[in-house]
Amino acid sequence: MSTRTRLLNLIALLGILGFMFGSTSCTGPAAEKYTATTGITPGQTALLAGKWWLDYEQAKAVHAVPLTSSKQVTNPQP
């Protein structure tokens, strides 16, 4: 993933979390307003963000290019 894409994803995530925590609180009438607006509770939002982060890390690990030393690449053994 390119640096620009990572930056945009980070900005989007921070925007979502900023909306959740900055404009509302996790308890009381503000949480009810957040739930009415988004359809999920603030706790569920935090759990989803954690799940998405773990899925991202797992996908990044699966698709990582294996590293080889330069000696193996430049001096192959017959």
C-alpha atoms as a PDB file:
ATOM      1  CA  MET A   1       0.000   0.000   0.000  1.00  0.00           C
ATOM      2  CA  SER A   2       1.374   3.382  -0.930  1.00  0.00           C
ATOM      3  CA  THR A   3       2.175   6.064   1.596  1.00  0.00           C
ATOM      4  CA  ARG A   4      -0.587   8.298   0.254  1.00  0.00           C
ATOM      5  CA  THR A   5      -3.207   5.560   0.640  1.00  0.00           C
ATOM      6  CA  ARG A   6      -2.052   4.837   4.191  1.00  0.00           C
ATOM      7  CA  LEU A   7      -2.241   8.524   5.018  1.00  0.00           C
ATOM      8  CA  LEU A   8      -5.772   8.823   3.619  1.00  0.00           C
ATOM      9  CA  ASN A   9      -6.874   5.712   5.544  1.00  0.00           C
ATOM     10  CA  LEU A  10      -5.374   7.103   8.738  1.00  0.00           C
ATOM     11  CA  ILE A  11      -7.092  10.455   8.234  1.00  0.00           C
ATOM     12  CA  ALA A  12     -10.429   8.716   7.613  1.00  0.00           C
ATOM     13  CA  LEU A  13     -10.034   6.557  10.719  1.00  0.00           C
ATOM     14  CA  LEU A  14      -9.092   9.558  12.849  1.00  0.00           C
ATOM     15  CA  GLY A  15     -12.059  11.474  11.473  1.00  0.00           C
ATOM     16  CA  ILE A  16     -14.468   8.694  12.403  1.00  0.00           C
ATOM     17  CA  LEU A  17     -12.974   8.273  15.862  1.00  0.00           C
ATOM     18  CA  GLY A  18     -12.833  12.050  16.322  1.00  0.00           C
ATOM     19  CA  PHE A  19     -16.523  12.318  15.519  1.00  0.00           C
ATOM     20  CA  MET A  20     -17.316   9.528  17.939  1.00  0.00           C
ATOM     21  CA  PHE A  21     -15.241  10.752  20.863  1.00  0.00           C
ATOM     22  CA  GLY A  22     -15.137  14.492  20.198  1.00  0.00           C
ATOM     23  CA  SER A  23     -18.752  15.300  19.567  1.00  0.00           C
ATOM     24  CA  THR A  24     -20.306  12.633  21.764  1.00  0.00           C
ATOM     25  CA  SER A  25     -19.512  10.778  24.914  1.00  0.00           C
ATOM     26  CA  CYS A  26     -19.870   7.055  25.470  1.00  0.00           C
ATOM     27  CA  THR A  27     -22.598   7.440  28.079  1.00  0.00           C
ATOM     28  CA  GLY A  28     -25.775   9.388  28.487  1.00  0.00           C
ATOM     29  CA  PRO A  29     -27.867  11.222  25.925  1.00  0.00           C
ATOM     30  CA  ALA A  30     -24.893  11.910  23.648  1.00  0.00           C
ATOM     31  CA  ALA A  31     -24.332   8.175  23.220  1.00  0.00           C
ATOM     32  CA  GLU A  32     -28.013   7.776  22.346  1.00  0.00           C
ATOM     33  CA  LYS A  33     -27.640  10.500  19.709  1.00  0.00           C
ATOM     34  CA  TYR A  34     -24.556   8.777  18.278  1.00  0.00           C
ATOM     35  CA  THR A  35     -26.400   5.445  18.211  1.00  0.00           C
ATOM     36  CA  ALA A  36     -29.403   7.033  16.518  1.00  0.00           C
ATOM     37  CA  THR A  37     -27.150   8.659  13.913  1.00  0.00           C
ATOM     38  CA  THR A  38     -24.900   5.697  13.095  1.00  0.00           C
ATOM     39  CA  GLY A  39     -27.033   2.700  14.063  1.00  0.00           C
ATOM     40  CA  ILE A  40     -24.325   1.232  16.314  1.00  0.00           C
ATOM     41  CA  THR A  41     -23.094   2.017  19.803  1.00  0.00           C
ATOM     42  CA  PRO A  42     -19.764   3.736  20.502  1.00  0.00           C
ATOM     43  CA  GLY A  43     -18.448   0.476  21.978  1.00  0.00           C
ATOM     44  CA  GLN A  44     -19.308  -1.403  18.796  1.00  0.00           C
ATOM     45  CA  THR A  45     -17.538   1.287  16.782  1.00  0.00           C
ATOM     46  CA  ALA A  46     -14.371   0.828  18.834  1.00  0.00           C
ATOM     47  CA  LEU A  47     -14.579  -2.963  18.468  1.00  0.00           C
ATOM     48  CA  LEU A  48     -15.062  -2.677  14.704  1.00  0.00           C
ATOM     49  CA  ALA A  49     -12.081  -0.346  14.406  1.00  0.00           C
ATOM     50  CA  GLY A  50      -9.967  -2.888  16.309  1.00  0.00           C
ATOM     51  CA  LYS A  51     -11.223  -5.750  14.140  1.00  0.00           C
ATOM     52  CA  TRP A  52     -10.507  -3.820  10.947  1.00  0.00           C
ATOM     53  CA  TRP A  53      -7.000  -3.021  12.161  1.00  0.00           C
ATOM     54  CA  LEU A  54      -6.292  -6.712  12.921  1.00  0.00           C
ATOM     55  CA  ASP A  55      -7.683  -7.744   9.518  1.00  0.00           C
ATOM     56  CA  TYR A  56      -5.462  -5.138   7.857  1.00  0.00           C
ATOM     57  CA  GLU A  57      -2.360  -6.377   9.691  1.00  0.00           C
ATOM     58  CA  GLN A  58      -3.130 -10.006   8.794  1.00  0.00           C
ATOM     59  CA  ALA A  59      -3.692  -9.161   5.131  1.00  0.00           C
ATOM     60  CA  LYS A  60      -0.482  -7.134   5.075  1.00  0.00           C
ATOM     61  CA  ALA A  61       1.435 -10.106   6.528  1.00  0.00           C
ATOM     62  CA  VAL A  62      -0.073 -12.569   4.036  1.00  0.00           C
ATOM     63  CA  HIS A  63       0.743 -10.396   1.032  1.00  0.00           C
ATOM     64  CA  ALA A  64       4.215  -9.356   2.154  1.00  0.00           C
ATOM     65  CA  VAL A  65       6.990 -10.083  -0.311  1.00  0.00           C
ATOM     66  CA  PRO A  66       9.501 -12.475   1.264  1.00  0.00           C
ATOM     67  CA  LEU A  67      12.907 -10.896   1.675  1.00  0.00           C
ATOM     68  CA  THR A  68      15.976 -12.615   0.279  1.00  0.00           C
ATOM     69  CA  SER A  69      19.531 -11.612   0.849  1.00  0.00           C
ATOM     70  CA  SER A  70      21.356  -9.884  -1.992  1.00  0.00           C
ATOM     71  CA  LYS A  71      23.976 -12.664  -1.978  1.00  0.00           C
ATOM     72  CA  GLN A  72      21.341 -15.254  -2.899  1.00  0.00           C
ATOM     73  CA  VAL A  73      20.003 -13.094  -5.695  1.00  0.00           C
ATOM     74  CA  THR A  74      23.303 -12.013  -7.250  1.00  0.00           C
ATOM     75  CA  ASN A  75      25.251 -15.274  -6.745  1.00  0.00           C
ATOM     76  CA  PRO A  76      22.900 -18.195  -7.376  1.00  0.00           C
ATOM     77  CA  GLN A  77      24.347 -21.625  -6.629  1.00  0.00           C
ATOM     78  CA  PRO A  78      24.312 -24.196  -9.512  1.00  0.00           C
END
